[in-house]
């Protein structure tokens, strides 16, 4: 059973270490150890890399919202 935070984000599928976030934009997320994230949104030609030593006070769903906001802002 996946953690509730993954379900809250609406993750669709998991394969080859990637989470499919939405089918319409095809954005995906890889989550590493210690707060590392790789967000890719091919529909918006955006890649966001977050390096860290912890996720801080943010949940995964909040990180995804932040990455999506960045992706929309750089259009």
PDB file of N, CA and C in Angstrom:
ATOM      1  N   UNK A   1       0.841  -1.182   0.000  1.00  0.00           N
ATOM      2  CA  UNK A   1       0.000   0.000   0.000  1.00  0.00           C
ATOM      3  C   UNK A   1       0.887   1.247   0.000  1.00  0.00           C
ATOM      4  N   UNK A   2       0.597   2.179  -0.901  1.00  0.00           N
ATOM      5  CA  UNK A   2       1.398   3.388  -1.010  1.00  0.00           C
ATOM      6  C   UNK A   2       0.993   4.372   0.069  1.00  0.00           C
ATOM      7  N   UNK A   3       1.931   5.199   0.542  1.00  0.00           N
ATOM      8  CA  UNK A   3       1.601   6.196   1.561  1.00  0.00           C
ATOM      9  C   UNK A   3       0.495   7.133   1.084  1.00  0.00           C
ATOM     10  N   UNK A   4      -0.280   7.633   2.027  1.00  0.00           N
ATOM     11  CA  UNK A   4      -1.402   8.520   1.709  1.00  0.00           C
ATOM     12  C   UNK A   4      -0.945   9.760   0.958  1.00  0.00           C
ATOM     13  N   UNK A   5       0.277  10.222   1.206  1.00  0.00           N
ATOM     14  CA  UNK A   5       0.769  11.420   0.534  1.00  0.00           C
ATOM     15  C   UNK A   5       0.885  11.207  -0.970  1.00  0.00           C
ATOM     16  N   UNK A   6       1.269  10.001  -1.404  1.00  0.00           N
ATOM     17  CA  UNK A   6       1.339   9.720  -2.828  1.00  0.00           C
ATOM     18  C   UNK A   6      -0.050   9.737  -3.450  1.00  0.00           C
ATOM     19  N   UNK A   7      -1.019   9.184  -2.732  1.00  0.00           N
ATOM     20  CA  UNK A   7      -2.390   9.184  -3.232  1.00  0.00           C
ATOM     21  C   UNK A   7      -2.946  10.598  -3.307  1.00  0.00           C
ATOM     22  N   UNK A   8      -2.579  11.450  -2.358  1.00  0.00           N
ATOM     23  CA  UNK A   8      -3.059  12.832  -2.346  1.00  0.00           C
ATOM     24  C   UNK A   8      -2.574  13.607  -3.563  1.00  0.00           C
ATOM     25  N   UNK A   9      -1.368  13.302  -4.014  1.00  0.00           N
ATOM     26  CA  UNK A   9      -0.819  13.970  -5.192  1.00  0.00           C
ATOM     27  C   UNK A   9      -1.532  13.497  -6.448  1.00  0.00           C
ATOM     28  N   UNK A  10      -2.080  12.289  -6.416  1.00  0.00           N
ATOM     29  CA  UNK A  10      -2.754  11.738  -7.577  1.00  0.00           C
ATOM     30  C   UNK A  10      -1.816  10.973  -8.478  1.00  0.00           C
ATOM     31  N   UNK A  11      -0.747  10.418  -7.917  1.00  0.00           N
ATOM     32  CA  UNK A  11       0.191   9.638  -8.727  1.00  0.00           C
ATOM     33  C   UNK A  11      -0.585   8.534  -9.437  1.00  0.00           C
ATOM     34  N   UNK A  12      -0.382   8.401 -10.705  1.00  0.00           N
ATOM     35  CA  UNK A  12      -1.137   7.453 -11.515  1.00  0.00           C
ATOM     36  C   UNK A  12      -0.504   6.068 -11.577  1.00  0.00           C
ATOM     37  N   UNK A  13       0.797   6.060 -11.688  1.00  0.00           N
ATOM     38  CA  UNK A  13       1.464   4.794 -11.948  1.00  0.00           C
ATOM     39  C   UNK A  13       2.922   4.922 -11.532  1.00  0.00           C
ATOM     40  N   UNK A  14       3.548   3.811 -11.301  1.00  0.00           N
ATOM     41  CA  UNK A  14       4.955   3.786 -10.920  1.00  0.00           C
ATOM     42  C   UNK A  14       5.655   2.735 -11.763  1.00  0.00           C
ATOM     43  N   UNK A  15       6.733   3.147 -12.419  1.00  0.00           N
ATOM     44  CA  UNK A  15       7.508   2.194 -13.210  1.00  0.00           C
ATOM     45  C   UNK A  15       8.915   2.726 -13.390  1.00  0.00           C
ATOM     46  N   UNK A  16       9.880   1.861 -13.315  1.00  0.00           N
ATOM     47  CA  UNK A  16      11.284   2.198 -13.553  1.00  0.00           C
ATOM     48  C   UNK A  16      11.733   3.397 -12.729  1.00  0.00           C
ATOM     49  N   UNK A  17      11.301   3.451 -11.473  1.00  0.00           N
ATOM     50  CA  UNK A  17      11.661   4.495 -10.519  1.00  0.00           C
ATOM     51  C   UNK A  17      11.029   5.852 -10.807  1.00  0.00           C
ATOM     52  N   UNK A  18      10.015   5.913 -11.656  1.00  0.00           N
ATOM     53  CA  UNK A  18       9.325   7.156 -11.997  1.00  0.00           C
ATOM     54  C   UNK A  18       7.855   7.066 -11.614  1.00  0.00           C
ATOM     55  N   UNK A  19       7.311   8.181 -11.127  1.00  0.00           N
ATOM     56  CA  UNK A  19       5.877   8.310 -10.863  1.00  0.00           C
ATOM     57  C   UNK A  19       5.253   9.125 -11.985  1.00  0.00           C
ATOM     58  N   UNK A  20       4.201   8.606 -12.594  1.00  0.00           N
ATOM     59  CA  UNK A  20       3.442   9.366 -13.587  1.00  0.00           C
ATOM     60  C   UNK A  20       2.441  10.223 -12.829  1.00  0.00           C
ATOM     61  N   UNK A  21       2.557  11.544 -12.945  1.00  0.00           N
ATOM     62  CA  UNK A  21       1.705  12.450 -12.197  1.00  0.00           C
ATOM     63  C   UNK A  21       0.400  12.761 -12.910  1.00  0.00           C
ATOM     64  N   UNK A  22       0.473  13.029 -14.208  1.00  0.00           N
ATOM     65  CA  UNK A  22      -0.762  13.298 -14.956  1.00  0.00           C
ATOM     66  C   UNK A  22      -0.623  12.769 -16.368  1.00  0.00           C
ATOM     67  N   UNK A  23      -1.709  12.264 -16.862  1.00  0.00           N
ATOM     68  CA  UNK A  23      -1.692  11.730 -18.224  1.00  0.00           C
ATOM     69  C   UNK A  23      -1.792  12.838 -19.260  1.00  0.00           C
ATOM     70  N   UNK A  24      -2.497  13.941 -18.929  1.00  0.00           N
ATOM     71  CA  UNK A  24      -2.687  15.006 -19.913  1.00  0.00           C
ATOM     72  C   UNK A  24      -1.383  15.744 -20.237  1.00  0.00           C
ATOM     73  N   UNK A  25      -0.547  16.025 -19.248  1.00  0.00           N
ATOM     74  CA  UNK A  25       0.729  16.706 -19.500  1.00  0.00           C
ATOM     75  C   UNK A  25       1.896  15.730 -19.564  1.00  0.00           C
ATOM     76  N   UNK A  26       1.708  14.534 -19.028  1.00  0.00           N
ATOM     77  CA  UNK A  26       2.770  13.536 -19.038  1.00  0.00           C
ATOM     78  C   UNK A  26       3.892  13.840 -18.069  1.00  0.00           C
ATOM     79  N   UNK A  27       3.612  14.681 -17.056  1.00  0.00           N
ATOM     80  CA  UNK A  27       4.678  15.007 -16.113  1.00  0.00           C
ATOM     81  C   UNK A  27       4.957  13.824 -15.192  1.00  0.00           C
ATOM     82  N   UNK A  28       6.240  13.671 -14.870  1.00  0.00           N
ATOM     83  CA  UNK A  28       6.700  12.544 -14.069  1.00  0.00           C
ATOM     84  C   UNK A  28       7.612  13.054 -12.964  1.00  0.00           C
ATOM     85  N   UNK A  29       7.777  12.222 -11.929  1.00  0.00           N
ATOM     86  CA  UNK A  29       8.596  12.586 -10.780  1.00  0.00           C
ATOM     87  C   UNK A  29       9.426  11.387 -10.353  1.00  0.00           C
ATOM     88  N   UNK A  30      10.709  11.627 -10.129  1.00  0.00           N
ATOM     89  CA  UNK A  30      11.577  10.648  -9.486  1.00  0.00           C
ATOM     90  C   UNK A  30      11.937  11.228  -8.129  1.00  0.00           C
ATOM     91  N   UNK A  31      11.830  10.412  -7.099  1.00  0.00           N
ATOM     92  CA  UNK A  31      12.114  10.872  -5.744  1.00  0.00           C
ATOM     93  C   UNK A  31      13.261  10.061  -5.182  1.00  0.00           C
ATOM     94  N   UNK A  32      14.290  10.759  -4.755  1.00  0.00           N
ATOM     95  CA  UNK A  32      15.465  10.087  -4.222  1.00  0.00           C
ATOM     96  C   UNK A  32      15.518  10.151  -2.710  1.00  0.00           C
ATOM     97  N   UNK A  33      16.589   9.662  -2.202  1.00  0.00           N
ATOM     98  CA  UNK A  33      16.825   9.662  -0.757  1.00  0.00           C
ATOM     99  C   UNK A  33      17.176  11.079  -0.294  1.00  0.00           C
ATOM    100  N   UNK A  34      16.725  11.432   0.871  1.00  0.00           N
ATOM    101  CA  UNK A  34      17.097  12.706   1.502  1.00  0.00           C
ATOM    102  C   UNK A  34      16.594  13.949   0.774  1.00  0.00           C
ATOM    103  N   UNK A  35      15.372  13.915   0.253  1.00  0.00           N
ATOM    104  CA  UNK A  35      14.770  15.115  -0.312  1.00  0.00           C
ATOM    105  C   UNK A  35      15.201  15.472  -1.716  1.00  0.00           C
ATOM    106  N   UNK A  36      15.700  14.517  -2.446  1.00  0.00           N
ATOM    107  CA  UNK A  36      16.091  14.762  -3.833  1.00  0.00           C
ATOM    108  C   UNK A  36      14.915  14.443  -4.748  1.00  0.00           C
ATOM    109  N   UNK A  37      14.665  15.343  -5.701  1.00  0.00           N
ATOM    110  CA  UNK A  37      13.567  15.161  -6.641  1.00  0.00           C
ATOM    111  C   UNK A  37      14.035  15.509  -8.047  1.00  0.00           C
ATOM    112  N   UNK A  38      13.455  14.832  -9.012  1.00  0.00           N
ATOM    113  CA  UNK A  38      13.628  15.166 -10.420  1.00  0.00           C
ATOM    114  C   UNK A  38      12.240  15.199 -11.019  1.00  0.00           C
ATOM    115  N   UNK A  39      11.806  16.381 -11.453  1.00  0.00           N
ATOM    116  CA  UNK A  39      10.472  16.575 -12.030  1.00  0.00           C
ATOM    117  C   UNK A  39      10.649  16.907 -13.497  1.00  0.00           C
ATOM    118  N   UNK A  40       9.931  16.208 -14.359  1.00  0.00           N
ATOM    119  CA  UNK A  40      10.011  16.422 -15.798  1.00  0.00           C
ATOM    120  C   UNK A  40       8.601  16.629 -16.339  1.00  0.00           C
ATOM    121  N   UNK A  41       8.418  17.734 -17.064  1.00  0.00           N
ATOM    122  CA  UNK A  41       7.137  18.020 -17.696  1.00  0.00           C
ATOM    123  C   UNK A  41       7.384  18.248 -19.186  1.00  0.00           C
ATOM    124  N   UNK A  42       7.222  17.204 -19.998  1.00  0.00           N
ATOM    125  CA  UNK A  42       7.506  17.334 -21.424  1.00  0.00           C
ATOM    126  C   UNK A  42       6.555  18.283 -22.146  1.00  0.00           C
ATOM    127  N   UNK A  43       5.332  18.412 -21.680  1.00  0.00           N
ATOM    128  CA  UNK A  43       4.366  19.305 -22.329  1.00  0.00           C
ATOM    129  C   UNK A  43       4.800  20.766 -22.204  1.00  0.00           C
ATOM    130  N   UNK A  44       5.539  21.085 -21.148  1.00  0.00           N
ATOM    131  CA  UNK A  44       5.992  22.462 -20.915  1.00  0.00           C
ATOM    132  C   UNK A  44       7.508  22.618 -21.094  1.00  0.00           C
ATOM    133  N   UNK A  45       8.160  21.572 -21.591  1.00  0.00           N
ATOM    134  CA  UNK A  45       9.616  21.588 -21.805  1.00  0.00           C
ATOM    135  C   UNK A  45      10.374  22.022 -20.556  1.00  0.00           C
ATOM    136  N   UNK A  46      10.009  21.430 -19.427  1.00  0.00           N
ATOM    137  CA  UNK A  46      10.592  21.834 -18.151  1.00  0.00           C
ATOM    138  C   UNK A  46      11.152  20.636 -17.391  1.00  0.00           C
ATOM    139  N   UNK A  47      12.323  20.861 -16.800  1.00  0.00           N
ATOM    140  CA  UNK A  47      12.924  19.900 -15.875  1.00  0.00           C
ATOM    141  C   UNK A  47      13.290  20.673 -14.616  1.00  0.00           C
ATOM    142  N   UNK A  48      12.886  20.162 -13.468  1.00  0.00           N
ATOM    143  CA  UNK A  48      13.227  20.773 -12.184  1.00  0.00           C
ATOM    144  C   UNK A  48      13.985  19.740 -11.365  1.00  0.00           C
ATOM    145  N   UNK A  49      15.165  20.116 -10.896  1.00  0.00           N
ATOM    146  CA  UNK A  49      15.989  19.244 -10.066  1.00  0.00           C
ATOM    147  C   UNK A  49      16.092  19.871  -8.691  1.00  0.00           C
ATOM    148  N   UNK A  50      15.818  19.092  -7.669  1.00  0.00           N
ATOM    149  CA  UNK A  50      15.937  19.571  -6.292  1.00  0.00           C
ATOM    150  C   UNK A  50      16.895  18.655  -5.561  1.00  0.00           C
ATOM    151  N   UNK A  51      18.030  19.196  -5.138  1.00  0.00           N
ATOM    152  CA  UNK A  51      18.998  18.454  -4.347  1.00  0.00           C
ATOM    153  C   UNK A  51      18.817  18.858  -2.895  1.00  0.00           C
ATOM    154  N   UNK A  52      18.993  17.951  -1.991  1.00  0.00           N
ATOM    155  CA  UNK A  52      18.825  18.305  -0.597  1.00  0.00           C
ATOM    156  C   UNK A  52      19.279  17.196   0.327  1.00  0.00           C
ATOM    157  N   UNK A  53      19.244  17.523   1.598  1.00  0.00           N
ATOM    158  CA  UNK A  53      19.584  16.541   2.629  1.00  0.00           C
ATOM    159  C   UNK A  53      18.364  16.198   3.456  1.00  0.00           C
ATOM    160  N   UNK A  54      17.220  16.564   2.966  1.00  0.00           N
ATOM    161  CA  UNK A  54      15.959  16.291   3.647  1.00  0.00           C
ATOM    162  C   UNK A  54      14.843  17.026   2.933  1.00  0.00           C
ATOM    163  N   UNK A  55      13.635  16.587   3.151  1.00  0.00           N
ATOM    164  CA  UNK A  55      12.490  17.210   2.492  1.00  0.00           C
ATOM    165  C   UNK A  55      12.008  18.451   3.234  1.00  0.00           C
ATOM    166  N   UNK A  56      12.642  18.781   4.355  1.00  0.00           N
ATOM    167  CA  UNK A  56      12.203  19.934   5.126  1.00  0.00           C
ATOM    168  C   UNK A  56      10.820  19.688   5.703  1.00  0.00           C
ATOM    169  N   UNK A  57      10.049  20.732   5.804  1.00  0.00           N
ATOM    170  CA  UNK A  57       8.705  20.623   6.359  1.00  0.00           C
ATOM    171  C   UNK A  57       7.648  20.338   5.298  1.00  0.00           C
ATOM    172  N   UNK A  58       8.057  20.162   4.043  1.00  0.00           N
ATOM    173  CA  UNK A  58       7.099  19.948   2.959  1.00  0.00           C
ATOM    174  C   UNK A  58       6.831  18.465   2.737  1.00  0.00           C
ATOM    175  N   UNK A  59       5.593  18.157   2.440  1.00  0.00           N
ATOM    176  CA  UNK A  59       5.224  16.795   2.053  1.00  0.00           C
ATOM    177  C   UNK A  59       5.461  16.642   0.555  1.00  0.00           C
ATOM    178  N   UNK A  60       5.454  15.430   0.070  1.00  0.00           N
ATOM    179  CA  UNK A  60       5.669  15.189  -1.360  1.00  0.00           C
ATOM    180  C   UNK A  60       4.652  15.948  -2.195  1.00  0.00           C
ATOM    181  N   UNK A  61       3.406  15.963  -1.787  1.00  0.00           N
ATOM    182  CA  UNK A  61       2.368  16.678  -2.550  1.00  0.00           C
ATOM    183  C   UNK A  61       2.674  18.170  -2.642  1.00  0.00           C
ATOM    184  N   UNK A  62       3.269  18.742  -1.607  1.00  0.00           N
ATOM    185  CA  UNK A  62       3.627  20.161  -1.639  1.00  0.00           C
ATOM    186  C   UNK A  62       4.816  20.418  -2.562  1.00  0.00           C
ATOM    187  N   UNK A  63       5.773  19.510  -2.564  1.00  0.00           N
ATOM    188  CA  UNK A  63       6.883  19.636  -3.506  1.00  0.00           C
ATOM    189  C   UNK A  63       6.381  19.585  -4.941  1.00  0.00           C
ATOM    190  N   UNK A  64       5.478  18.641  -5.220  1.00  0.00           N
ATOM    191  CA  UNK A  64       4.933  18.522  -6.576  1.00  0.00           C
ATOM    192  C   UNK A  64       4.206  19.808  -6.969  1.00  0.00           C
ATOM    193  N   UNK A  65       3.434  20.377  -6.083  1.00  0.00           N
ATOM    194  CA  UNK A  65       2.749  21.646  -6.371  1.00  0.00           C
ATOM    195  C   UNK A  65       3.760  22.744  -6.684  1.00  0.00           C
ATOM    196  N   UNK A  66       4.842  22.782  -5.923  1.00  0.00           N
ATOM    197  CA  UNK A  66       5.887  23.766  -6.179  1.00  0.00           C
ATOM    198  C   UNK A  66       6.525  23.554  -7.546  1.00  0.00           C
ATOM    199  N   UNK A  67       6.859  22.309  -7.877  1.00  0.00           N
ATOM    200  CA  UNK A  67       7.483  22.018  -9.172  1.00  0.00           C
ATOM    201  C   UNK A  67       6.541  22.364 -10.327  1.00  0.00           C
ATOM    202  N   UNK A  68       5.262  22.060 -10.169  1.00  0.00           N
ATOM    203  CA  UNK A  68       4.287  22.407 -11.210  1.00  0.00           C
ATOM    204  C   UNK A  68       4.165  23.926 -11.357  1.00  0.00           C
ATOM    205  N   UNK A  69       4.205  24.630 -10.248  1.00  0.00           N
ATOM    206  CA  UNK A  69       4.160  26.093 -10.299  1.00  0.00           C
ATOM    207  C   UNK A  69       5.370  26.670 -11.022  1.00  0.00           C
ATOM    208  N   UNK A  70       6.549  26.139 -10.747  1.00  0.00           N
ATOM    209  CA  UNK A  70       7.749  26.570 -11.439  1.00  0.00           C
ATOM    210  C   UNK A  70       7.626  26.286 -12.925  1.00  0.00           C
ATOM    211  N   UNK A  71       7.121  25.115 -13.257  1.00  0.00           N
ATOM    212  CA  UNK A  71       6.963  24.729 -14.662  1.00  0.00           C
ATOM    213  C   UNK A  71       6.036  25.681 -15.404  1.00  0.00           C
ATOM    214  N   UNK A  72       4.981  26.096 -14.772  1.00  0.00           N
ATOM    215  CA  UNK A  72       4.028  27.033 -15.392  1.00  0.00           C
ATOM    216  C   UNK A  72       4.618  28.439 -15.489  1.00  0.00           C
ATOM    217  N   UNK A  73       5.423  28.814 -14.510  1.00  0.00           N
ATOM    218  CA  UNK A  73       5.959  30.174 -14.459  1.00  0.00           C
ATOM    219  C   UNK A  73       7.039  30.440 -15.508  1.00  0.00           C
ATOM    220  N   UNK A  74       7.720  29.417 -15.965  1.00  0.00           N
ATOM    221  CA  UNK A  74       8.825  29.625 -16.907  1.00  0.00           C
ATOM    222  C   UNK A  74       8.395  29.529 -18.363  1.00  0.00           C
ATOM    223  N   UNK A  75       7.117  29.393 -18.599  1.00  0.00           N
ATOM    224  CA  UNK A  75       6.648  29.327 -19.996  1.00  0.00           C
ATOM    225  C   UNK A  75       6.917  30.610 -20.728  1.00  0.00           C
TER     226      UNK A  75
END
